[in-house]
Amino acid sequence: MTFNRPTLMLIALGLAGAAYAFRPRAAHPGSGTKSPYHPVRNAGPEEMTLPLRREWTKVDEAVDESFPASDPPATY
């Protein structure tokens, strides 16, 4: 039985796809969430993960407090 070039290419592509689908995957903690909801932090400078580089103003506070409500529900 002989195969022509297009048939061999399809067989090779199928084998490559199968190898990719069944490859071993490393388990990374936090690589995916089981919940469709993402955590949202509380407002305020004390809840930030990075230290502040400048004084926290009333404008910063207002923007920080309005963040989740200002985004459309489909984006978070």
PDB file of N, CA and C in Angstrom:
ATOM      1  N   MET A   1       0.842  -1.161   0.000  1.00  0.00           N
ATOM      2  CA  MET A   1       0.000   0.000   0.000  1.00  0.00           C
ATOM      3  C   MET A   1       0.897   1.237   0.000  1.00  0.00           C
ATOM      4  N   THR A   2       0.697   2.122  -0.926  1.00  0.00           N
ATOM      5  CA  THR A   2       1.489   3.346  -1.012  1.00  0.00           C
ATOM      6  C   THR A   2       0.581   4.540  -0.769  1.00  0.00           C
ATOM      7  N   PHE A   3       1.154   5.540  -0.142  1.00  0.00           N
ATOM      8  CA  PHE A   3       0.404   6.767   0.146  1.00  0.00           C
ATOM      9  C   PHE A   3       1.013   7.904  -0.652  1.00  0.00           C
ATOM     10  N   ASN A   4       0.156   8.770  -1.144  1.00  0.00           N
ATOM     11  CA  ASN A   4       0.672   9.950  -1.826  1.00  0.00           C
ATOM     12  C   ASN A   4       0.967  11.035  -0.783  1.00  0.00           C
ATOM     13  N   ARG A   5       1.590  12.088  -1.219  1.00  0.00           N
ATOM     14  CA  ARG A   5       2.049  13.139  -0.307  1.00  0.00           C
ATOM     15  C   ARG A   5       0.917  13.777   0.507  1.00  0.00           C
ATOM     16  N   PRO A   6      -0.226  14.158  -0.082  1.00  0.00           N
ATOM     17  CA  PRO A   6      -1.293  14.756   0.735  1.00  0.00           C
ATOM     18  C   PRO A   6      -1.810  13.815   1.823  1.00  0.00           C
ATOM     19  N   THR A   7      -1.883  12.541   1.540  1.00  0.00           N
ATOM     20  CA  THR A   7      -2.343  11.579   2.540  1.00  0.00           C
ATOM     21  C   THR A   7      -1.347  11.473   3.688  1.00  0.00           C
ATOM     22  N   LEU A   8      -0.060  11.443   3.371  1.00  0.00           N
ATOM     23  CA  LEU A   8       0.966  11.400   4.414  1.00  0.00           C
ATOM     24  C   LEU A   8       0.947  12.666   5.262  1.00  0.00           C
ATOM     25  N   MET A   9       0.688  13.802   4.632  1.00  0.00           N
ATOM     26  CA  MET A   9       0.611  15.064   5.376  1.00  0.00           C
ATOM     27  C   MET A   9      -0.571  15.041   6.344  1.00  0.00           C
ATOM     28  N   LEU A  10      -1.711  14.519   5.912  1.00  0.00           N
ATOM     29  CA  LEU A  10      -2.877  14.431   6.788  1.00  0.00           C
ATOM     30  C   LEU A  10      -2.635  13.474   7.951  1.00  0.00           C
ATOM     31  N   ILE A  11      -1.972  12.371   7.693  1.00  0.00           N
ATOM     32  CA  ILE A  11      -1.649  11.425   8.761  1.00  0.00           C
ATOM     33  C   ILE A  11      -0.703  12.077   9.764  1.00  0.00           C
ATOM     34  N   ALA A  12       0.313  12.776   9.275  1.00  0.00           N
ATOM     35  CA  ALA A  12       1.263  13.457  10.159  1.00  0.00           C
ATOM     36  C   ALA A  12       0.560  14.531  10.982  1.00  0.00           C
ATOM     37  N   LEU A  13      -0.340  15.271  10.361  1.00  0.00           N
ATOM     38  CA  LEU A  13      -1.084  16.309  11.072  1.00  0.00           C
ATOM     39  C   LEU A  13      -1.976  15.693  12.147  1.00  0.00           C
ATOM     40  N   GLY A  14      -2.619  14.589  11.831  1.00  0.00           N
ATOM     41  CA  GLY A  14      -3.449  13.897  12.816  1.00  0.00           C
ATOM     42  C   GLY A  14      -2.647  13.384  13.994  1.00  0.00           C
ATOM     43  N   LEU A  15      -1.476  12.825  13.721  1.00  0.00           N
ATOM     44  CA  LEU A  15      -0.616  12.343  14.804  1.00  0.00           C
ATOM     45  C   LEU A  15      -0.107  13.495  15.670  1.00  0.00           C
ATOM     46  N   ALA A  16       0.229  14.606  15.033  1.00  0.00           N
ATOM     47  CA  ALA A  16       0.683  15.774  15.793  1.00  0.00           C
ATOM     48  C   ALA A  16      -0.446  16.303  16.675  1.00  0.00           C
ATOM     49  N   GLY A  17      -1.653  16.348  16.144  1.00  0.00           N
ATOM     50  CA  GLY A  17      -2.797  16.803  16.935  1.00  0.00           C
ATOM     51  C   GLY A  17      -3.081  15.884  18.109  1.00  0.00           C
ATOM     52  N   ALA A  18      -2.983  14.579  17.894  1.00  0.00           N
ATOM     53  CA  ALA A  18      -3.199  13.621  18.979  1.00  0.00           C
ATOM     54  C   ALA A  18      -2.118  13.764  20.047  1.00  0.00           C
ATOM     55  N   ALA A  19      -0.873  13.956  19.625  1.00  0.00           N
ATOM     56  CA  ALA A  19       0.216  14.139  20.587  1.00  0.00           C
ATOM     57  C   ALA A  19       0.004  15.410  21.405  1.00  0.00           C
ATOM     58  N   TYR A  20      -0.471  16.468  20.772  1.00  0.00           N
ATOM     59  CA  TYR A  20      -0.735  17.724  21.487  1.00  0.00           C
ATOM     60  C   TYR A  20      -1.899  17.555  22.459  1.00  0.00           C
ATOM     61  N   ALA A  21      -2.951  16.872  22.044  1.00  0.00           N
ATOM     62  CA  ALA A  21      -4.133  16.706  22.885  1.00  0.00           C
ATOM     63  C   ALA A  21      -3.847  15.858  24.118  1.00  0.00           C
ATOM     64  N   PHE A  22      -2.980  14.869  23.987  1.00  0.00           N
ATOM     65  CA  PHE A  22      -2.713  13.953  25.090  1.00  0.00           C
ATOM     66  C   PHE A  22      -1.372  14.206  25.766  1.00  0.00           C
ATOM     67  N   ARG A  23      -0.798  15.393  25.591  1.00  0.00           N
ATOM     68  CA  ARG A  23       0.487  15.718  26.200  1.00  0.00           C
ATOM     69  C   ARG A  23       0.329  15.823  27.717  1.00  0.00           C
ATOM     70  N   PRO A  24       1.382  15.545  28.471  1.00  0.00           N
ATOM     71  CA  PRO A  24       1.304  15.712  29.925  1.00  0.00           C
ATOM     72  C   PRO A  24       1.255  17.195  30.270  1.00  0.00           C
ATOM     73  N   ARG A  25       0.415  17.516  31.205  1.00  0.00           N
ATOM     74  CA  ARG A  25       0.258  18.917  31.606  1.00  0.00           C
ATOM     75  C   ARG A  25       0.661  19.066  33.057  1.00  0.00           C
ATOM     76  N   ALA A  26       1.403  20.117  33.339  1.00  0.00           N
ATOM     77  CA  ALA A  26       1.816  20.396  34.705  1.00  0.00           C
ATOM     78  C   ALA A  26       0.655  21.034  35.449  1.00  0.00           C
ATOM     79  N   ALA A  27       0.495  20.647  36.689  1.00  0.00           N
ATOM     80  CA  ALA A  27      -0.565  21.231  37.510  1.00  0.00           C
ATOM     81  C   ALA A  27      -0.037  22.507  38.145  1.00  0.00           C
ATOM     82  N   HIS A  28      -0.644  23.611  37.818  1.00  0.00           N
ATOM     83  CA  HIS A  28      -0.266  24.900  38.384  1.00  0.00           C
ATOM     84  C   HIS A  28      -1.366  25.351  39.324  1.00  0.00           C
ATOM     85  N   PRO A  29      -1.053  25.603  40.579  1.00  0.00           N
ATOM     86  CA  PRO A  29      -2.094  26.091  41.479  1.00  0.00           C
ATOM     87  C   PRO A  29      -2.574  27.465  41.021  1.00  0.00           C
ATOM     88  N   GLY A  30      -3.847  27.636  40.976  1.00  0.00           N
ATOM     89  CA  GLY A  30      -4.413  28.910  40.564  1.00  0.00           C
ATOM     90  C   GLY A  30      -4.423  29.124  39.071  1.00  0.00           C
ATOM     91  N   SER A  31      -4.194  28.082  38.292  1.00  0.00           N
ATOM     92  CA  SER A  31      -4.160  28.263  36.845  1.00  0.00           C
ATOM     93  C   SER A  31      -5.550  28.389  36.253  1.00  0.00           C
ATOM     94  N   GLY A  32      -6.548  28.114  37.015  1.00  0.00           N
ATOM     95  CA  GLY A  32      -7.918  28.240  36.543  1.00  0.00           C
ATOM     96  C   GLY A  32      -8.844  28.317  37.735  1.00  0.00           C
ATOM     97  N   THR A  33      -9.964  28.955  37.554  1.00  0.00           N
ATOM     98  CA  THR A  33     -10.914  29.053  38.643  1.00  0.00           C
ATOM     99  C   THR A  33     -12.069  28.117  38.376  1.00  0.00           C
ATOM    100  N   LYS A  34     -12.585  27.533  39.427  1.00  0.00           N
ATOM    101  CA  LYS A  34     -13.743  26.672  39.287  1.00  0.00           C
ATOM    102  C   LYS A  34     -15.020  27.502  39.304  1.00  0.00           C
ATOM    103  N   SER A  35     -14.921  28.713  39.780  1.00  0.00           N
ATOM    104  CA  SER A  35     -16.071  29.597  39.847  1.00  0.00           C
ATOM    105  C   SER A  35     -16.037  30.568  38.672  1.00  0.00           C
ATOM    106  N   PRO A  36     -17.199  30.899  38.115  1.00  0.00           N
ATOM    107  CA  PRO A  36     -17.204  31.867  37.020  1.00  0.00           C
ATOM    108  C   PRO A  36     -16.966  33.294  37.508  1.00  0.00           C
ATOM    109  N   TYR A  37     -16.966  33.509  38.826  1.00  0.00           N
ATOM    110  CA  TYR A  37     -16.806  34.846  39.381  1.00  0.00           C
ATOM    111  C   TYR A  37     -15.361  35.072  39.793  1.00  0.00           C
ATOM    112  N   HIS A  38     -14.851  36.230  39.477  1.00  0.00           N
ATOM    113  CA  HIS A  38     -13.486  36.583  39.837  1.00  0.00           C
ATOM    114  C   HIS A  38     -13.514  37.386  41.132  1.00  0.00           C
ATOM    115  N   PRO A  39     -12.535  37.195  41.992  1.00  0.00           N
ATOM    116  CA  PRO A  39     -12.536  37.953  43.241  1.00  0.00           C
ATOM    117  C   PRO A  39     -12.308  39.438  42.981  1.00  0.00           C
ATOM    118  N   VAL A  40     -13.011  40.256  43.718  1.00  0.00           N
ATOM    119  CA  VAL A  40     -12.872  41.705  43.617  1.00  0.00           C
ATOM    120  C   VAL A  40     -12.425  42.193  44.981  1.00  0.00           C
ATOM    121  N   ARG A  41     -11.360  42.961  45.021  1.00  0.00           N
ATOM    122  CA  ARG A  41     -10.851  43.439  46.306  1.00  0.00           C
ATOM    123  C   ARG A  41     -11.714  44.568  46.839  1.00  0.00           C
ATOM    124  N   ASN A  42     -11.642  44.792  48.134  1.00  0.00           N
ATOM    125  CA  ASN A  42     -12.346  45.905  48.750  1.00  0.00           C
ATOM    126  C   ASN A  42     -11.676  47.213  48.361  1.00  0.00           C
ATOM    127  N   ALA A  43     -12.425  48.306  48.465  1.00  0.00           N
ATOM    128  CA  ALA A  43     -11.886  49.619  48.118  1.00  0.00           C
ATOM    129  C   ALA A  43     -10.971  50.121  49.226  1.00  0.00           C
ATOM    130  N   GLY A  44     -10.054  50.973  48.846  1.00  0.00           N
ATOM    131  CA  GLY A  44      -9.184  51.613  49.818  1.00  0.00           C
ATOM    132  C   GLY A  44      -7.721  51.280  49.616  1.00  0.00           C
ATOM    133  N   PRO A  45      -6.845  52.182  50.064  1.00  0.00           N
ATOM    134  CA  PRO A  45      -5.412  51.977  49.867  1.00  0.00           C
ATOM    135  C   PRO A  45      -4.859  50.802  50.670  1.00  0.00           C
ATOM    136  N   GLU A  46      -5.491  50.457  51.786  1.00  0.00           N
ATOM    137  CA  GLU A  46      -4.995  49.340  52.594  1.00  0.00           C
ATOM    138  C   GLU A  46      -5.241  47.986  51.936  1.00  0.00           C
ATOM    139  N   GLU A  47      -6.106  47.928  50.938  1.00  0.00           N
ATOM    140  CA  GLU A  47      -6.411  46.674  50.248  1.00  0.00           C
ATOM    141  C   GLU A  47      -5.554  46.465  48.996  1.00  0.00           C
ATOM    142  N   MET A  48      -4.719  47.436  48.646  1.00  0.00           N
ATOM    143  CA  MET A  48      -3.887  47.332  47.447  1.00  0.00           C
ATOM    144  C   MET A  48      -2.703  46.409  47.707  1.00  0.00           C
ATOM    145  N   THR A  49      -2.273  45.711  46.658  1.00  0.00           N
ATOM    146  CA  THR A  49      -1.154  44.783  46.818  1.00  0.00           C
ATOM    147  C   THR A  49       0.204  45.474  46.708  1.00  0.00           C
ATOM    148  N   LEU A  50       0.273  46.566  45.968  1.00  0.00           N
ATOM    149  CA  LEU A  50       1.527  47.304  45.820  1.00  0.00           C
ATOM    150  C   LEU A  50       1.503  48.541  46.708  1.00  0.00           C
ATOM    151  N   PRO A  51       2.644  48.940  47.252  1.00  0.00           N
ATOM    152  CA  PRO A  51       2.672  50.134  48.093  1.00  0.00           C
ATOM    153  C   PRO A  51       2.406  51.401  47.277  1.00  0.00           C
ATOM    154  N   LEU A  52       1.818  52.386  47.949  1.00  0.00           N
ATOM    155  CA  LEU A  52       1.523  53.657  47.283  1.00  0.00           C
ATOM    156  C   LEU A  52       2.800  54.453  47.062  1.00  0.00           C
ATOM    157  N   ARG A  53       2.868  55.152  45.946  1.00  0.00           N
ATOM    158  CA  ARG A  53       4.034  55.996  45.646  1.00  0.00           C
ATOM    159  C   ARG A  53       3.742  57.461  45.927  1.00  0.00           C
ATOM    160  N   ARG A  54       2.465  57.764  46.180  1.00  0.00           N
ATOM    161  CA  ARG A  54       2.088  59.153  46.444  1.00  0.00           C
ATOM    162  C   ARG A  54       0.923  59.161  47.419  1.00  0.00           C
ATOM    163  N   GLU A  55       0.498  60.353  47.812  1.00  0.00           N
ATOM    164  CA  GLU A  55      -0.610  60.509  48.751  1.00  0.00           C
ATOM    165  C   GLU A  55      -1.924  60.055  48.121  1.00  0.00           C
ATOM    166  N   TRP A  56      -2.753  59.362  48.886  1.00  0.00           N
ATOM    167  CA  TRP A  56      -4.066  58.886  48.432  1.00  0.00           C
ATOM    168  C   TRP A  56      -5.048  60.052  48.550  1.00  0.00           C
ATOM    169  N   THR A  57      -5.656  60.463  47.427  1.00  0.00           N
ATOM    170  CA  THR A  57      -6.552  61.622  47.422  1.00  0.00           C
ATOM    171  C   THR A  57      -8.013  61.190  47.404  1.00  0.00           C
ATOM    172  N   LYS A  58      -8.909  62.188  47.542  1.00  0.00           N
ATOM    173  CA  LYS A  58     -10.345  61.904  47.478  1.00  0.00           C
ATOM    174  C   LYS A  58     -10.737  61.402  46.095  1.00  0.00           C
ATOM    175  N   VAL A  59     -10.078  61.891  45.064  1.00  0.00           N
ATOM    176  CA  VAL A  59     -10.356  61.419  43.702  1.00  0.00           C
ATOM    177  C   VAL A  59      -9.962  59.945  43.580  1.00  0.00           C
ATOM    178  N   ASP A  60      -8.801  59.588  44.121  1.00  0.00           N
ATOM    179  CA  ASP A  60      -8.377  58.186  44.104  1.00  0.00           C
ATOM    180  C   ASP A  60      -9.405  57.303  44.814  1.00  0.00           C
ATOM    181  N   GLU A  61      -9.888  57.784  45.950  1.00  0.00           N
ATOM    182  CA  GLU A  61     -10.870  57.025  46.717  1.00  0.00           C
ATOM    183  C   GLU A  61     -12.172  56.848  45.938  1.00  0.00           C
ATOM    184  N   ALA A  62     -12.650  57.919  45.299  1.00  0.00           N
ATOM    185  CA  ALA A  62     -13.898  57.848  44.535  1.00  0.00           C
ATOM    186  C   ALA A  62     -13.768  56.901  43.350  1.00  0.00           C
ATOM    187  N   VAL A  63     -12.659  56.977  42.650  1.00  0.00           N
ATOM    188  CA  VAL A  63     -12.444  56.089  41.507  1.00  0.00           C
ATOM    189  C   VAL A  63     -12.334  54.639  41.977  1.00  0.00           C
ATOM    190  N   ASP A  64     -11.614  54.422  43.068  1.00  0.00           N
ATOM    191  CA  ASP A  64     -11.430  53.072  43.586  1.00  0.00           C
ATOM    192  C   ASP A  64     -12.752  52.464  44.052  1.00  0.00           C
ATOM    193  N   GLU A  65     -13.604  53.264  44.686  1.00  0.00           N
ATOM    194  CA  GLU A  65     -14.892  52.762  45.170  1.00  0.00           C
ATOM    195  C   GLU A  65     -15.864  52.475  44.039  1.00  0.00           C
ATOM    196  N   SER A  66     -15.747  53.175  42.919  1.00  0.00           N
ATOM    197  CA  SER A  66     -16.711  52.998  41.832  1.00  0.00           C
ATOM    198  C   SER A  66     -16.262  51.970  40.806  1.00  0.00           C
ATOM    199  N   PHE A  67     -15.074  51.395  40.971  1.00  0.00           N
ATOM    200  CA  PHE A  67     -14.521  50.540  39.918  1.00  0.00           C
ATOM    201  C   PHE A  67     -15.428  49.400  39.466  1.00  0.00           C
ATOM    202  N   PRO A  68     -15.860  48.475  40.324  1.00  0.00           N
ATOM    203  CA  PRO A  68     -16.657  47.356  39.789  1.00  0.00           C
ATOM    204  C   PRO A  68     -17.964  47.814  39.162  1.00  0.00           C
ATOM    205  N   ALA A  69     -18.593  48.836  39.735  1.00  0.00           N
ATOM    206  CA  ALA A  69     -19.877  49.296  39.211  1.00  0.00           C
ATOM    207  C   ALA A  69     -19.719  50.040  37.892  1.00  0.00           C
ATOM    208  N   SER A  70     -18.530  50.575  37.629  1.00  0.00           N
ATOM    209  CA  SER A  70     -18.348  51.338  36.396  1.00  0.00           C
ATOM    210  C   SER A  70     -18.066  50.440  35.198  1.00  0.00           C
ATOM    211  N   ASP A  71     -17.753  49.175  35.442  1.00  0.00           N
ATOM    212  CA  ASP A  71     -17.497  48.240  34.344  1.00  0.00           C
ATOM    213  C   ASP A  71     -18.775  47.506  33.965  1.00  0.00           C
ATOM    214  N   PRO A  72     -18.945  47.192  32.706  1.00  0.00           N
ATOM    215  CA  PRO A  72     -20.093  46.366  32.323  1.00  0.00           C
ATOM    216  C   PRO A  72     -19.984  44.992  32.980  1.00  0.00           C
ATOM    217  N   PRO A  73     -21.090  44.376  33.352  1.00  0.00           N
ATOM    218  CA  PRO A  73     -21.043  43.085  34.040  1.00  0.00           C
ATOM    219  C   PRO A  73     -20.332  41.984  33.259  1.00  0.00           C
ATOM    220  N   ALA A  74     -20.290  42.068  31.943  1.00  0.00           N
ATOM    221  CA  ALA A  74     -19.681  40.999  31.149  1.00  0.00           C
ATOM    222  C   ALA A  74     -18.163  41.003  31.217  1.00  0.00           C
ATOM    223  N   THR A  75     -17.556  42.061  31.739  1.00  0.00           N
ATOM    224  CA  THR A  75     -16.098  42.131  31.727  1.00  0.00           C
ATOM    225  C   THR A  75     -15.452  41.696  33.025  1.00  0.00           C
ATOM    226  N   TYR A  76     -16.218  41.435  34.063  1.00  0.00           N
ATOM    227  CA  TYR A  76     -15.580  40.947  35.291  1.00  0.00           C
ATOM    228  C   TYR A  76     -16.426  39.934  35.991  1.00  0.00           C
TER     229      TYR A  76
END
